[in-house]
Amino acid sequence: QVDLVESGGGSVEAGGSLTLSCRVTGFRMSRYMGWFRQRPGKEREGVAAIQTTEGTADYADSVKGRFTISRDRADKVVRLVMNSLNPEDTAMYYCAALEELQGMTPIQALGAVMDQDRPVHPLNYFGRGTQVTVSS
């Protein structure tokens, strides 16, 4: 069982920055860790993923150059540094742990990890989310 607890959300003005943290409790970090978001009226979107062993990161086009994901394997913490935020980034952000990609890229798998508030695959997990609000 893996439990994920997010923190660091809040309200910020456009152009500002926030850092989200995700603490992993349980056995260990999964093969991939990442963040996805749910924006009002839009589909869930994978935002950033990191391969926990090698540290290879990938990002959605919408956040490339602005967001940076990192992981601390010793402390089992995953962080998402978000710079140059704009109102389009307003969303509930969720941390996710992926052991099974089901044939998708990590970013795609992040966007598909949840179905009706439950994990689609038994080896994948996500947290309760943290709200990020960006005002113009």
C-alpha atoms as a PDB file:
ATOM      1  CA  GLN A   1       0.000   0.000   0.000  1.00  0.00           C
ATOM      2  CA  VAL A   2       1.303   3.458  -0.930  1.00  0.00           C
ATOM      3  CA  ASP A   3      -0.038   6.628   0.627  1.00  0.00           C
ATOM      4  CA  LEU A   4       0.617  10.043  -0.953  1.00  0.00           C
ATOM      5  CA  VAL A   5       0.175  13.340   0.867  1.00  0.00           C
ATOM      6  CA  GLU A   6       0.394  16.581  -1.081  1.00  0.00           C
ATOM      7  CA  SER A   7       1.159  20.009   0.305  1.00  0.00           C
ATOM      8  CA  GLY A   8       2.134  23.453  -0.931  1.00  0.00           C
ATOM      9  CA  GLY A   9      -0.916  24.550  -2.839  1.00  0.00           C
ATOM     10  CA  GLY A  10      -2.382  28.004  -2.432  1.00  0.00           C
ATOM     11  CA  SER A  11      -3.278  31.223  -4.161  1.00  0.00           C
ATOM     12  CA  VAL A  12      -0.834  33.289  -6.144  1.00  0.00           C
ATOM     13  CA  GLU A  13      -0.933  36.107  -8.662  1.00  0.00           C
ATOM     14  CA  ALA A  14      -0.088  35.549 -12.314  1.00  0.00           C
ATOM     15  CA  GLY A  15       3.648  35.375 -12.806  1.00  0.00           C
ATOM     16  CA  GLY A  16       4.214  33.976  -9.351  1.00  0.00           C
ATOM     17  CA  SER A  17       5.610  30.653  -8.192  1.00  0.00           C
ATOM     18  CA  LEU A  18       4.585  27.775  -5.979  1.00  0.00           C
ATOM     19  CA  THR A  19       6.263  24.545  -4.937  1.00  0.00           C
ATOM     20  CA  LEU A  20       4.171  21.457  -4.386  1.00  0.00           C
ATOM     21  CA  SER A  21       5.465  18.563  -2.311  1.00  0.00           C
ATOM     22  CA  CYS A  22       4.320  14.971  -2.146  1.00  0.00           C
ATOM     23  CA  ARG A  23       5.382  12.745   0.706  1.00  0.00           C
ATOM     24  CA  VAL A  24       5.268   9.023   0.009  1.00  0.00           C
ATOM     25  CA  THR A  25       4.577   6.621   2.853  1.00  0.00           C
ATOM     26  CA  GLY A  26       4.436   2.893   2.601  1.00  0.00           C
ATOM     27  CA  PHE A  27       6.796   0.479   0.980  1.00  0.00           C
ATOM     28  CA  ARG A  28       8.827   2.599  -1.480  1.00  0.00           C
ATOM     29  CA  MET A  29       8.511   5.034  -4.339  1.00  0.00           C
ATOM     30  CA  SER A  30       6.931   3.545  -7.432  1.00  0.00           C
ATOM     31  CA  ARG A  31       8.700   3.210 -10.770  1.00  0.00           C
ATOM     32  CA  TYR A  32       7.324   6.581 -11.850  1.00  0.00           C
ATOM     33  CA  MET A  33       6.141   9.487  -9.733  1.00  0.00           C
ATOM     34  CA  GLY A  34       4.327  12.497 -11.059  1.00  0.00           C
ATOM     35  CA  TRP A  35       1.635  15.105 -10.925  1.00  0.00           C
ATOM     36  CA  PHE A  36      -1.619  15.487 -12.774  1.00  0.00           C
ATOM     37  CA  ARG A  37      -4.225  18.203 -12.531  1.00  0.00           C
ATOM     38  CA  GLN A  38      -7.927  18.688 -12.889  1.00  0.00           C
ATOM     39  CA  ARG A  39      -8.847  22.113 -14.216  1.00  0.00           C
ATOM     40  CA  PRO A  40     -12.432  23.347 -14.007  1.00  0.00           C
ATOM     41  CA  GLY A  41     -14.429  22.061 -16.949  1.00  0.00           C
ATOM     42  CA  LYS A  42     -11.465  20.240 -18.508  1.00  0.00           C
ATOM     43  CA  GLU A  43     -10.185  16.691 -18.632  1.00  0.00           C
ATOM     44  CA  ARG A  44      -7.523  15.480 -16.234  1.00  0.00           C
ATOM     45  CA  GLU A  45      -4.072  16.217 -17.555  1.00  0.00           C
ATOM     46  CA  GLY A  46      -0.713  14.680 -16.775  1.00  0.00           C
ATOM     47  CA  VAL A  47       1.636  17.540 -15.921  1.00  0.00           C
ATOM     48  CA  ALA A  48       5.053  16.153 -14.990  1.00  0.00           C
ATOM     49  CA  ALA A  49       6.545  12.720 -14.464  1.00  0.00           C
ATOM     50  CA  ILE A  50       9.871  11.457 -13.191  1.00  0.00           C
ATOM     51  CA  GLN A  51      11.418   8.025 -13.418  1.00  0.00           C
ATOM     52  CA  THR A  52      12.447   7.472  -9.831  1.00  0.00           C
ATOM     53  CA  THR A  53      15.608   5.418 -10.392  1.00  0.00           C
ATOM     54  CA  GLU A  54      17.281   7.432 -13.161  1.00  0.00           C
ATOM     55  CA  GLY A  55      15.613  10.774 -12.505  1.00  0.00           C
ATOM     56  CA  THR A  56      14.500  11.232 -16.108  1.00  0.00           C
ATOM     57  CA  ALA A  57      11.696  13.785 -16.267  1.00  0.00           C
ATOM     58  CA  ASP A  58       8.984  14.542 -18.794  1.00  0.00           C
ATOM     59  CA  TYR A  59       6.441  17.331 -18.996  1.00  0.00           C
ATOM     60  CA  ALA A  60       3.215  18.266 -20.683  1.00  0.00           C
ATOM     61  CA  ASP A  61       3.754  20.843 -23.422  1.00  0.00           C
ATOM     62  CA  SER A  62       1.624  23.321 -21.503  1.00  0.00           C
ATOM     63  CA  VAL A  63       4.138  23.481 -18.631  1.00  0.00           C
ATOM     64  CA  LYS A  64       7.495  22.838 -20.297  1.00  0.00           C
ATOM     65  CA  GLY A  65      10.057  25.440 -19.320  1.00  0.00           C
ATOM     66  CA  ARG A  66       7.951  26.596 -16.372  1.00  0.00           C
ATOM     67  CA  PHE A  67       7.563  23.536 -14.129  1.00  0.00           C
ATOM     68  CA  THR A  68      10.310  21.315 -12.725  1.00  0.00           C
ATOM     69  CA  ILE A  69       9.793  17.963 -11.059  1.00  0.00           C
ATOM     70  CA  SER A  70      12.316  16.372  -8.729  1.00  0.00           C
ATOM     71  CA  ARG A  71      12.479  13.476  -6.320  1.00  0.00           C
ATOM     72  CA  ASP A  72      14.360  12.712  -3.145  1.00  0.00           C
ATOM     73  CA  ARG A  73      14.539   8.957  -2.886  1.00  0.00           C
ATOM     74  CA  ALA A  74      15.955   8.949   0.625  1.00  0.00           C
ATOM     75  CA  ASP A  75      13.174  11.111   2.055  1.00  0.00           C
ATOM     76  CA  LYS A  76      10.571   9.762  -0.399  1.00  0.00           C
ATOM     77  CA  VAL A  77       9.457  13.220  -1.430  1.00  0.00           C
ATOM     78  CA  VAL A  78       8.513  14.433  -4.894  1.00  0.00           C
ATOM     79  CA  ARG A  79       8.416  18.152  -5.599  1.00  0.00           C
ATOM     80  CA  LEU A  80       6.960  20.250  -8.372  1.00  0.00           C
ATOM     81  CA  VAL A  81       8.368  23.750  -8.715  1.00  0.00           C
ATOM     82  CA  MET A  82       5.954  25.885 -10.690  1.00  0.00           C
ATOM     83  CA  ASN A  83       7.157  29.194 -12.078  1.00  0.00           C
ATOM     84  CA  SER A  84       5.531  31.816 -14.285  1.00  0.00           C
ATOM     85  CA  LEU A  85       2.094  30.667 -13.223  1.00  0.00           C
ATOM     86  CA  ASN A  86      -0.915  31.906 -15.151  1.00  0.00           C
ATOM     87  CA  PRO A  87      -4.664  31.607 -14.558  1.00  0.00           C
ATOM     88  CA  GLU A  88      -4.786  28.574 -16.882  1.00  0.00           C
ATOM     89  CA  ASP A  89      -2.756  26.697 -14.263  1.00  0.00           C
ATOM     90  CA  THR A  90      -5.582  26.981 -11.751  1.00  0.00           C
ATOM     91  CA  ALA A  91      -6.487  23.409 -10.846  1.00  0.00           C
ATOM     92  CA  MET A  92      -6.510  20.705  -8.238  1.00  0.00           C
ATOM     93  CA  TYR A  93      -3.083  19.102  -8.415  1.00  0.00           C
ATOM     94  CA  TYR A  94      -2.639  15.460  -7.496  1.00  0.00           C
ATOM     95  CA  CYS A  95       0.477  13.465  -6.821  1.00  0.00           C
ATOM     96  CA  ALA A  96       0.539  10.005  -8.362  1.00  0.00           C
ATOM     97  CA  ALA A  97       2.636   6.875  -8.084  1.00  0.00           C
ATOM     98  CA  LEU A  98       2.749   4.668 -11.152  1.00  0.00           C
ATOM     99  CA  GLU A  99       4.071   1.130 -11.254  1.00  0.00           C
ATOM    100  CA  GLU A 100       2.115   0.188 -14.388  1.00  0.00           C
ATOM    101  CA  LEU A 101       1.908   2.454 -17.454  1.00  0.00           C
ATOM    102  CA  GLN A 102      -0.540   0.207 -19.342  1.00  0.00           C
ATOM    103  CA  GLY A 103       1.196   0.914 -22.656  1.00  0.00           C
ATOM    104  CA  MET A 104       1.087   4.697 -22.286  1.00  0.00           C
ATOM    105  CA  THR A 105       3.763   7.320 -21.815  1.00  0.00           C
ATOM    106  CA  PRO A 106       4.171   8.460 -18.210  1.00  0.00           C
ATOM    107  CA  ILE A 107       2.409  11.765 -18.958  1.00  0.00           C
ATOM    108  CA  GLN A 108      -0.487   9.946 -20.620  1.00  0.00           C
ATOM    109  CA  ALA A 109      -0.686   7.455 -17.760  1.00  0.00           C
ATOM    110  CA  LEU A 110      -0.865  10.272 -15.223  1.00  0.00           C
ATOM    111  CA  GLY A 111      -3.859  11.721 -16.998  1.00  0.00           C
ATOM    112  CA  ALA A 112      -5.558   8.325 -16.970  1.00  0.00           C
ATOM    113  CA  VAL A 113      -4.687   7.145 -13.459  1.00  0.00           C
ATOM    114  CA  MET A 114      -8.065   8.039 -11.963  1.00  0.00           C
ATOM    115  CA  ASP A 115     -11.570   6.889 -12.862  1.00  0.00           C
ATOM    116  CA  GLN A 116     -14.492   8.051 -10.741  1.00  0.00           C
ATOM    117  CA  ASP A 117     -12.099   8.971  -7.920  1.00  0.00           C
ATOM    118  CA  ARG A 118     -10.482   5.516  -7.839  1.00  0.00           C
ATOM    119  CA  PRO A 119      -7.228   4.221  -9.342  1.00  0.00           C
ATOM    120  CA  VAL A 120      -7.694   2.467 -12.666  1.00  0.00           C
ATOM    121  CA  HIS A 121      -4.881   0.001 -11.960  1.00  0.00           C
ATOM    122  CA  PRO A 122      -4.275  -1.646  -8.561  1.00  0.00           C
ATOM    123  CA  LEU A 123      -0.546  -0.877  -8.686  1.00  0.00           C
ATOM    124  CA  ASN A 124      -1.056   2.850  -9.233  1.00  0.00           C
ATOM    125  CA  TYR A 125      -1.988   5.388  -6.569  1.00  0.00           C
ATOM    126  CA  PHE A 126      -2.789   9.055  -6.158  1.00  0.00           C
ATOM    127  CA  GLY A 127      -3.240  11.480  -3.284  1.00  0.00           C
ATOM    128  CA  ARG A 128      -6.133  13.670  -2.198  1.00  0.00           C
ATOM    129  CA  GLY A 129      -4.886  16.693  -4.100  1.00  0.00           C
ATOM    130  CA  THR A 130      -3.923  20.277  -3.325  1.00  0.00           C
ATOM    131  CA  GLN A 131      -5.597  23.327  -4.828  1.00  0.00           C
ATOM    132  CA  VAL A 132      -3.641  25.886  -6.835  1.00  0.00           C
ATOM    133  CA  THR A 133      -5.363  29.128  -7.733  1.00  0.00           C
ATOM    134  CA  VAL A 134      -3.739  31.732  -9.947  1.00  0.00           C
ATOM    135  CA  SER A 135      -5.354  35.142 -10.230  1.00  0.00           C
ATOM    136  CA  SER A 136      -4.843  37.544 -13.101  1.00  0.00           C
END
